[in-house]
Amino acid sequence: MSVNPANTLYSTIGSGVRGAVSISEHSWNVELAIPFKLLQGLQKNQLVSLNCNFGRKKAGVPIEKSAWNRVEQRLKDDRSLETLIFE
């Protein structure tokens, strides 16, 4: 899934994903709401970890790209995923 500063959301995991964007002078933040039913059929109390990565691409010359975890080839590559632990 991806979201931009205009809060345009593209989701490949299903419907029901929502985003909220706030923009300040030097940054922008996004908060995502992902329904538990879209997370591989897990129930709310079963979810303890989630494999993911976060990336950004800033248009311009040159194009800036960065990610939370190292990306070898593509952001969607399983080797570029890290694990979030929910406690």
PDB file of N, CA and C in Angstrom:
ATOM      1  N   MET A   1       0.847  -1.161   0.000  1.00  0.00           N
ATOM      2  CA  MET A   1       0.000   0.000   0.000  1.00  0.00           C
ATOM      3  C   MET A   1       0.891   1.222   0.000  1.00  0.00           C
ATOM      4  N   SER A   2       0.380   2.310  -0.455  1.00  0.00           N
ATOM      5  CA  SER A   2       1.126   3.569  -0.430  1.00  0.00           C
ATOM      6  C   SER A   2       0.170   4.722  -0.190  1.00  0.00           C
ATOM      7  N   VAL A   3       0.724   5.794   0.354  1.00  0.00           N
ATOM      8  CA  VAL A   3      -0.045   7.013   0.610  1.00  0.00           C
ATOM      9  C   VAL A   3       0.890   8.200   0.371  1.00  0.00           C
ATOM     10  N   ASN A   4       0.342   9.294  -0.134  1.00  0.00           N
ATOM     11  CA  ASN A   4       1.156  10.481  -0.383  1.00  0.00           C
ATOM     12  C   ASN A   4       0.689  11.644   0.489  1.00  0.00           C
ATOM     13  N   PRO A   5       1.398  12.789   0.453  1.00  0.00           N
ATOM     14  CA  PRO A   5       1.012  13.918   1.310  1.00  0.00           C
ATOM     15  C   PRO A   5      -0.391  14.468   1.050  1.00  0.00           C
ATOM     16  N   ALA A   6      -0.955  14.182  -0.123  1.00  0.00           N
ATOM     17  CA  ALA A   6      -2.317  14.624  -0.413  1.00  0.00           C
ATOM     18  C   ALA A   6      -3.358  13.641   0.121  1.00  0.00           C
ATOM     19  N   ASN A   7      -2.896  12.624   0.876  1.00  0.00           N
ATOM     20  CA  ASN A   7      -3.729  11.566   1.447  1.00  0.00           C
ATOM     21  C   ASN A   7      -4.383  10.705   0.369  1.00  0.00           C
ATOM     22  N   THR A   8      -3.720  10.571  -0.780  1.00  0.00           N
ATOM     23  CA  THR A   8      -4.164   9.637  -1.804  1.00  0.00           C
ATOM     24  C   THR A   8      -3.628   8.269  -1.416  1.00  0.00           C
ATOM     25  N   LEU A   9      -4.526   7.327  -1.174  1.00  0.00           N
ATOM     26  CA  LEU A   9      -4.163   6.010  -0.666  1.00  0.00           C
ATOM     27  C   LEU A   9      -4.355   4.965  -1.748  1.00  0.00           C
ATOM     28  N   TYR A  10      -3.338   4.130  -1.936  1.00  0.00           N
ATOM     29  CA  TYR A  10      -3.425   2.991  -2.849  1.00  0.00           C
ATOM     30  C   TYR A  10      -3.177   1.744  -2.027  1.00  0.00           C
ATOM     31  N   SER A  11      -4.138   0.853  -1.976  1.00  0.00           N
ATOM     32  CA  SER A  11      -4.014  -0.356  -1.171  1.00  0.00           C
ATOM     33  C   SER A  11      -4.185  -1.588  -2.039  1.00  0.00           C
ATOM     34  N   THR A  12      -3.274  -2.531  -1.881  1.00  0.00           N
ATOM     35  CA  THR A  12      -3.399  -3.816  -2.578  1.00  0.00           C
ATOM     36  C   THR A  12      -3.871  -4.908  -1.633  1.00  0.00           C
ATOM     37  N   ILE A  13      -4.106  -4.572  -0.353  1.00  0.00           N
ATOM     38  CA  ILE A  13      -4.505  -5.605   0.599  1.00  0.00           C
ATOM     39  C   ILE A  13      -6.012  -5.671   0.816  1.00  0.00           C
ATOM     40  N   GLY A  14      -6.767  -4.765   0.240  1.00  0.00           N
ATOM     41  CA  GLY A  14      -8.213  -4.816   0.370  1.00  0.00           C
ATOM     42  C   GLY A  14      -8.805  -3.482   0.752  1.00  0.00           C
ATOM     43  N   SER A  15     -10.129  -3.469   0.817  1.00  0.00           N
ATOM     44  CA  SER A  15     -10.813  -2.216   1.141  1.00  0.00           C
ATOM     45  C   SER A  15     -10.909  -2.046   2.654  1.00  0.00           C
ATOM     46  N   GLY A  16     -11.128  -0.834   3.069  1.00  0.00           N
ATOM     47  CA  GLY A  16     -11.265  -0.533   4.486  1.00  0.00           C
ATOM     48  C   GLY A  16     -10.042   0.146   5.072  1.00  0.00           C
ATOM     49  N   VAL A  17      -8.931   0.181   4.339  1.00  0.00           N
ATOM     50  CA  VAL A  17      -7.734   0.877   4.821  1.00  0.00           C
ATOM     51  C   VAL A  17      -7.979   2.375   4.718  1.00  0.00           C
ATOM     52  N   ARG A  18      -7.647   3.104   5.786  1.00  0.00           N
ATOM     53  CA  ARG A  18      -7.833   4.557   5.795  1.00  0.00           C
ATOM     54  C   ARG A  18      -6.526   5.236   6.200  1.00  0.00           C
ATOM     55  N   GLY A  19      -6.348   6.448   5.714  1.00  0.00           N
ATOM     56  CA  GLY A  19      -5.170   7.218   6.076  1.00  0.00           C
ATOM     57  C   GLY A  19      -5.549   8.617   6.500  1.00  0.00           C
ATOM     58  N   ALA A  20      -4.723   9.202   7.369  1.00  0.00           N
ATOM     59  CA  ALA A  20      -4.902  10.599   7.784  1.00  0.00           C
ATOM     60  C   ALA A  20      -3.527  11.257   7.716  1.00  0.00           C
ATOM     61  N   VAL A  21      -3.424  12.365   7.001  1.00  0.00           N
ATOM     62  CA  VAL A  21      -2.155  13.045   6.772  1.00  0.00           C
ATOM     63  C   VAL A  21      -2.156  14.404   7.460  1.00  0.00           C
ATOM     64  N   SER A  22      -1.028  14.751   8.074  1.00  0.00           N
ATOM     65  CA  SER A  22      -0.828  16.103   8.591  1.00  0.00           C
ATOM     66  C   SER A  22       0.478  16.634   8.003  1.00  0.00           C
ATOM     67  N   ILE A  23       0.471  17.897   7.612  1.00  0.00           N
ATOM     68  CA  ILE A  23       1.619  18.506   6.949  1.00  0.00           C
ATOM     69  C   ILE A  23       2.086  19.707   7.760  1.00  0.00           C
ATOM     70  N   SER A  24       3.404  19.760   8.009  1.00  0.00           N
ATOM     71  CA  SER A  24       3.994  20.924   8.674  1.00  0.00           C
ATOM     72  C   SER A  24       5.001  21.565   7.717  1.00  0.00           C
ATOM     73  N   GLU A  25       5.723  22.544   8.186  1.00  0.00           N
ATOM     74  CA  GLU A  25       6.633  23.291   7.305  1.00  0.00           C
ATOM     75  C   GLU A  25       7.732  22.404   6.710  1.00  0.00           C
ATOM     76  N   HIS A  26       8.260  21.458   7.494  1.00  0.00           N
ATOM     77  CA  HIS A  26       9.398  20.662   7.033  1.00  0.00           C
ATOM     78  C   HIS A  26       9.122  19.162   6.934  1.00  0.00           C
ATOM     79  N   SER A  27       7.898  18.744   7.173  1.00  0.00           N
ATOM     80  CA  SER A  27       7.629  17.302   7.144  1.00  0.00           C
ATOM     81  C   SER A  27       6.144  17.032   6.932  1.00  0.00           C
ATOM     82  N   TRP A  28       5.839  15.765   6.723  1.00  0.00           N
ATOM     83  CA  TRP A  28       4.451  15.324   6.714  1.00  0.00           C
ATOM     84  C   TRP A  28       4.388  13.974   7.412  1.00  0.00           C
ATOM     85  N   ASN A  29       3.265  13.703   8.048  1.00  0.00           N
ATOM     86  CA  ASN A  29       3.058  12.470   8.803  1.00  0.00           C
ATOM     87  C   ASN A  29       1.805  11.787   8.303  1.00  0.00           C
ATOM     88  N   VAL A  30       1.810  10.477   8.398  1.00  0.00           N
ATOM     89  CA  VAL A  30       0.624   9.710   8.022  1.00  0.00           C
ATOM     90  C   VAL A  30       0.299   8.711   9.125  1.00  0.00           C
ATOM     91  N   GLU A  31      -0.972   8.574   9.377  1.00  0.00           N
ATOM     92  CA  GLU A  31      -1.463   7.554  10.300  1.00  0.00           C
ATOM     93  C   GLU A  31      -2.370   6.641   9.487  1.00  0.00           C
ATOM     94  N   LEU A  32      -2.129   5.337   9.576  1.00  0.00           N
ATOM     95  CA  LEU A  32      -2.910   4.370   8.807  1.00  0.00           C
ATOM     96  C   LEU A  32      -3.767   3.522   9.735  1.00  0.00           C
ATOM     97  N   ALA A  33      -4.975   3.257   9.310  1.00  0.00           N
ATOM     98  CA  ALA A  33      -5.865   2.329  10.010  1.00  0.00           C
ATOM     99  C   ALA A  33      -6.098   1.150   9.077  1.00  0.00           C
ATOM    100  N   ILE A  34      -5.645  -0.030   9.520  1.00  0.00           N
ATOM    101  CA  ILE A  34      -5.763  -1.247   8.717  1.00  0.00           C
ATOM    102  C   ILE A  34      -6.661  -2.217   9.477  1.00  0.00           C
ATOM    103  N   PRO A  35      -7.808  -2.573   8.921  1.00  0.00           N
ATOM    104  CA  PRO A  35      -8.695  -3.521   9.608  1.00  0.00           C
ATOM    105  C   PRO A  35      -7.995  -4.869   9.849  1.00  0.00           C
ATOM    106  N   PHE A  36      -8.160  -5.418  11.052  1.00  0.00           N
ATOM    107  CA  PHE A  36      -7.536  -6.694  11.374  1.00  0.00           C
ATOM    108  C   PHE A  36      -7.943  -7.795  10.402  1.00  0.00           C
ATOM    109  N   LYS A  37      -9.147  -7.735   9.845  1.00  0.00           N
ATOM    110  CA  LYS A  37      -9.603  -8.785   8.937  1.00  0.00           C
ATOM    111  C   LYS A  37      -8.748  -8.850   7.666  1.00  0.00           C
ATOM    112  N   LEU A  38      -8.019  -7.775   7.351  1.00  0.00           N
ATOM    113  CA  LEU A  38      -7.158  -7.762   6.171  1.00  0.00           C
ATOM    114  C   LEU A  38      -5.770  -8.326   6.443  1.00  0.00           C
ATOM    115  N   LEU A  39      -5.437  -8.576   7.697  1.00  0.00           N
ATOM    116  CA  LEU A  39      -4.112  -9.060   8.064  1.00  0.00           C
ATOM    117  C   LEU A  39      -4.106 -10.588   8.149  1.00  0.00           C
ATOM    118  N   GLN A  40      -4.216 -11.226   7.009  1.00  0.00           N
ATOM    119  CA  GLN A  40      -4.127 -12.680   6.861  1.00  0.00           C
ATOM    120  C   GLN A  40      -5.072 -13.440   7.777  1.00  0.00           C
ATOM    121  N   GLY A  41      -6.260 -12.907   7.999  1.00  0.00           N
ATOM    122  CA  GLY A  41      -7.275 -13.615   8.760  1.00  0.00           C
ATOM    123  C   GLY A  41      -7.039 -13.682  10.255  1.00  0.00           C
ATOM    124  N   LEU A  42      -6.102 -12.914  10.785  1.00  0.00           N
ATOM    125  CA  LEU A  42      -5.838 -12.937  12.215  1.00  0.00           C
ATOM    126  C   LEU A  42      -6.908 -12.173  12.979  1.00  0.00           C
ATOM    127  N   GLN A  43      -7.183 -12.619  14.167  1.00  0.00           N
ATOM    128  CA  GLN A  43      -8.116 -11.932  15.038  1.00  0.00           C
ATOM    129  C   GLN A  43      -7.349 -10.874  15.833  1.00  0.00           C
ATOM    130  N   LYS A  44      -8.046  -9.890  16.350  1.00  0.00           N
ATOM    131  CA  LYS A  44      -7.424  -8.753  17.033  1.00  0.00           C
ATOM    132  C   LYS A  44      -6.447  -9.184  18.119  1.00  0.00           C
ATOM    133  N   ASN A  45      -6.803 -10.127  18.949  1.00  0.00           N
ATOM    134  CA  ASN A  45      -5.944 -10.523  20.061  1.00  0.00           C
ATOM    135  C   ASN A  45      -4.847 -11.498  19.663  1.00  0.00           C
ATOM    136  N   GLN A  46      -4.831 -11.966  18.426  1.00  0.00           N
ATOM    137  CA  GLN A  46      -3.817 -12.903  17.971  1.00  0.00           C
ATOM    138  C   GLN A  46      -2.587 -12.208  17.395  1.00  0.00           C
ATOM    139  N   LEU A  47      -2.717 -10.983  16.943  1.00  0.00           N
ATOM    140  CA  LEU A  47      -1.632 -10.308  16.244  1.00  0.00           C
ATOM    141  C   LEU A  47      -0.539  -9.885  17.227  1.00  0.00           C
ATOM    142  N   VAL A  48       0.667 -10.452  17.054  1.00  0.00           N
ATOM    143  CA  VAL A  48       1.793 -10.066  17.894  1.00  0.00           C
ATOM    144  C   VAL A  48       2.949  -9.503  17.072  1.00  0.00           C
ATOM    145  N   SER A  49       2.992  -9.804  15.772  1.00  0.00           N
ATOM    146  CA  SER A  49       4.047  -9.253  14.931  1.00  0.00           C
ATOM    147  C   SER A  49       3.541  -9.087  13.503  1.00  0.00           C
ATOM    148  N   LEU A  50       4.213  -8.218  12.756  1.00  0.00           N
ATOM    149  CA  LEU A  50       3.829  -7.927  11.381  1.00  0.00           C
ATOM    150  C   LEU A  50       5.091  -7.595  10.596  1.00  0.00           C
ATOM    151  N   ASN A  51       5.298  -8.277   9.458  1.00  0.00           N
ATOM    152  CA  ASN A  51       6.450  -7.994   8.609  1.00  0.00           C
ATOM    153  C   ASN A  51       6.119  -6.837   7.683  1.00  0.00           C
ATOM    154  N   CYS A  52       6.979  -5.810   7.660  1.00  0.00           N
ATOM    155  CA  CYS A  52       6.710  -4.650   6.830  1.00  0.00           C
ATOM    156  C   CYS A  52       7.994  -3.854   6.597  1.00  0.00           C
ATOM    157  N   ASN A  53       7.900  -2.865   5.758  1.00  0.00           N
ATOM    158  CA  ASN A  53       8.958  -1.900   5.540  1.00  0.00           C
ATOM    159  C   ASN A  53       8.289  -0.581   5.183  1.00  0.00           C
ATOM    160  N   PHE A  54       8.975   0.506   5.420  1.00  0.00           N
ATOM    161  CA  PHE A  54       8.460   1.828   5.102  1.00  0.00           C
ATOM    162  C   PHE A  54       9.448   2.504   4.164  1.00  0.00           C
ATOM    163  N   GLY A  55       8.939   3.052   3.090  1.00  0.00           N
ATOM    164  CA  GLY A  55       9.815   3.715   2.137  1.00  0.00           C
ATOM    165  C   GLY A  55       9.266   5.071   1.754  1.00  0.00           C
ATOM    166  N   ARG A  56      10.151   5.904   1.217  1.00  0.00           N
ATOM    167  CA  ARG A  56       9.720   7.209   0.733  1.00  0.00           C
ATOM    168  C   ARG A  56      10.464   7.514  -0.555  1.00  0.00           C
ATOM    169  N   LYS A  57       9.805   8.274  -1.396  1.00  0.00           N
ATOM    170  CA  LYS A  57      10.396   8.712  -2.660  1.00  0.00           C
ATOM    171  C   LYS A  57      10.016  10.170  -2.840  1.00  0.00           C
ATOM    172  N   LYS A  58      11.015  11.027  -2.929  1.00  0.00           N
ATOM    173  CA  LYS A  58      10.774  12.459  -3.102  1.00  0.00           C
ATOM    174  C   LYS A  58      11.157  12.836  -4.523  1.00  0.00           C
ATOM    175  N   ALA A  59      10.174  13.347  -5.265  1.00  0.00           N
ATOM    176  CA  ALA A  59      10.412  13.749  -6.650  1.00  0.00           C
ATOM    177  C   ALA A  59      11.335  14.955  -6.686  1.00  0.00           C
ATOM    178  N   GLY A  60      12.054  15.085  -7.751  1.00  0.00           N
ATOM    179  CA  GLY A  60      12.969  16.202  -7.932  1.00  0.00           C
ATOM    180  C   GLY A  60      14.212  15.721  -8.652  1.00  0.00           C
ATOM    181  N   VAL A  61      15.213  16.566  -8.702  1.00  0.00           N
ATOM    182  CA  VAL A  61      16.473  16.192  -9.336  1.00  0.00           C
ATOM    183  C   VAL A  61      17.575  16.384  -8.311  1.00  0.00           C
ATOM    184  N   PRO A  62      18.229  15.350  -7.851  1.00  0.00           N
ATOM    185  CA  PRO A  62      17.929  13.949  -8.136  1.00  0.00           C
ATOM    186  C   PRO A  62      16.746  13.453  -7.300  1.00  0.00           C
ATOM    187  N   ILE A  63      16.166  12.330  -7.693  1.00  0.00           N
ATOM    188  CA  ILE A  63      15.084  11.706  -6.929  1.00  0.00           C
ATOM    189  C   ILE A  63      15.676  11.140  -5.640  1.00  0.00           C
ATOM    190  N   GLU A  64      15.058  11.441  -4.508  1.00  0.00           N
ATOM    191  CA  GLU A  64      15.508  10.916  -3.220  1.00  0.00           C
ATOM    192  C   GLU A  64      14.683   9.689  -2.868  1.00  0.00           C
ATOM    193  N   LYS A  65      15.358   8.621  -2.448  1.00  0.00           N
ATOM    194  CA  LYS A  65      14.683   7.418  -1.989  1.00  0.00           C
ATOM    195  C   LYS A  65      15.305   6.981  -0.674  1.00  0.00           C
ATOM    196  N   SER A  66      14.463   6.561   0.264  1.00  0.00           N
ATOM    197  CA  SER A  66      14.962   6.022   1.525  1.00  0.00           C
ATOM    198  C   SER A  66      13.963   4.993   2.045  1.00  0.00           C
ATOM    199  N   ALA A  67      14.426   4.149   2.954  1.00  0.00           N
ATOM    200  CA  ALA A  67      13.579   3.108   3.533  1.00  0.00           C
ATOM    201  C   ALA A  67      14.005   2.855   4.969  1.00  0.00           C
ATOM    202  N   TRP A  68      13.075   2.325   5.751  1.00  0.00           N
ATOM    203  CA  TRP A  68      13.320   1.989   7.142  1.00  0.00           C
ATOM    204  C   TRP A  68      14.350   0.876   7.230  1.00  0.00           C
ATOM    205  N   ASN A  69      14.221  -0.123   6.380  1.00  0.00           N
ATOM    206  CA  ASN A  69      15.145  -1.248   6.346  1.00  0.00           C
ATOM    207  C   ASN A  69      15.801  -1.301   4.970  1.00  0.00           C
ATOM    208  N   ARG A  70      16.983  -1.838   4.900  1.00  0.00           N
ATOM    209  CA  ARG A  70      17.729  -1.925   3.646  1.00  0.00           C
ATOM    210  C   ARG A  70      16.908  -2.617   2.555  1.00  0.00           C
ATOM    211  N   VAL A  71      16.941  -2.046   1.366  1.00  0.00           N
ATOM    212  CA  VAL A  71      16.227  -2.595   0.220  1.00  0.00           C
ATOM    213  C   VAL A  71      17.256  -2.999  -0.827  1.00  0.00           C
ATOM    214  N   GLU A  72      17.305  -4.305  -1.147  1.00  0.00           N
ATOM    215  CA  GLU A  72      18.262  -4.800  -2.140  1.00  0.00           C
ATOM    216  C   GLU A  72      17.841  -4.413  -3.551  1.00  0.00           C
ATOM    217  N   GLN A  73      16.609  -4.776  -3.930  1.00  0.00           N
ATOM    218  CA  GLN A  73      16.137  -4.498  -5.283  1.00  0.00           C
ATOM    219  C   GLN A  73      14.822  -3.744  -5.289  1.00  0.00           C
ATOM    220  N   ARG A  74      13.814  -4.300  -4.606  1.00  0.00           N
ATOM    221  CA  ARG A  74      12.479  -3.698  -4.595  1.00  0.00           C
ATOM    222  C   ARG A  74      11.965  -3.644  -3.167  1.00  0.00           C
ATOM    223  N   LEU A  75      11.189  -2.614  -2.868  1.00  0.00           N
ATOM    224  CA  LEU A  75      10.621  -2.472  -1.530  1.00  0.00           C
ATOM    225  C   LEU A  75       9.713  -3.649  -1.190  1.00  0.00           C
ATOM    226  N   LYS A  76       9.065  -4.240  -2.194  1.00  0.00           N
ATOM    227  CA  LYS A  76       8.143  -5.352  -1.950  1.00  0.00           C
ATOM    228  C   LYS A  76       8.853  -6.692  -1.756  1.00  0.00           C
ATOM    229  N   ASP A  77      10.166  -6.749  -1.958  1.00  0.00           N
ATOM    230  CA  ASP A  77      10.947  -7.970  -1.809  1.00  0.00           C
ATOM    231  C   ASP A  77      10.936  -8.410  -0.342  1.00  0.00           C
ATOM    232  N   ASP A  78      10.664  -9.692  -0.068  1.00  0.00           N
ATOM    233  CA  ASP A  78      10.615 -10.191   1.303  1.00  0.00           C
ATOM    234  C   ASP A  78      11.911  -9.950   2.069  1.00  0.00           C
ATOM    235  N   ARG A  79      13.050  -9.879   1.375  1.00  0.00           N
ATOM    236  CA  ARG A  79      14.330  -9.651   2.053  1.00  0.00           C
ATOM    237  C   ARG A  79      14.429  -8.242   2.625  1.00  0.00           C
ATOM    238  N   SER A  80      13.555  -7.332   2.203  1.00  0.00           N
ATOM    239  CA  SER A  80      13.613  -5.962   2.706  1.00  0.00           C
ATOM    240  C   SER A  80      12.639  -5.718   3.853  1.00  0.00           C
ATOM    241  N   LEU A  81      12.000  -6.779   4.345  1.00  0.00           N
ATOM    242  CA  LEU A  81      11.017  -6.632   5.423  1.00  0.00           C
ATOM    243  C   LEU A  81      11.656  -6.775   6.792  1.00  0.00           C
ATOM    244  N   GLU A  82      11.174  -6.022   7.736  1.00  0.00           N
ATOM    245  CA  GLU A  82      11.538  -6.151   9.148  1.00  0.00           C
ATOM    246  C   GLU A  82      10.266  -6.497   9.909  1.00  0.00           C
ATOM    247  N   THR A  83      10.386  -6.812  11.164  1.00  0.00           N
ATOM    248  CA  THR A  83       9.240  -7.234  11.954  1.00  0.00           C
ATOM    249  C   THR A  83       8.891  -6.186  13.008  1.00  0.00           C
ATOM    250  N   LEU A  84       7.620  -5.774  13.000  1.00  0.00           N
ATOM    251  CA  LEU A  84       7.081  -4.932  14.073  1.00  0.00           C
ATOM    252  C   LEU A  84       6.500  -5.855  15.122  1.00  0.00           C
ATOM    253  N   ILE A  85       6.832  -5.625  16.376  1.00  0.00           N
ATOM    254  CA  ILE A  85       6.324  -6.451  17.494  1.00  0.00           C
ATOM    255  C   ILE A  85       5.289  -5.636  18.257  1.00  0.00           C
ATOM    256  N   PHE A  86       4.099  -6.185  18.435  1.00  0.00           N
ATOM    257  CA  PHE A  86       3.021  -5.532  19.187  1.00  0.00           C
ATOM    258  C   PHE A  86       2.956  -6.161  20.578  1.00  0.00           C
ATOM    259  N   GLU A  87       3.058  -5.324  21.601  1.00  0.00           N
ATOM    260  CA  GLU A  87       3.024  -5.843  22.972  1.00  0.00           C
ATOM    261  C   GLU A  87       1.787  -5.383  23.696  1.00  0.00           C
TER     262      GLU A  87
END
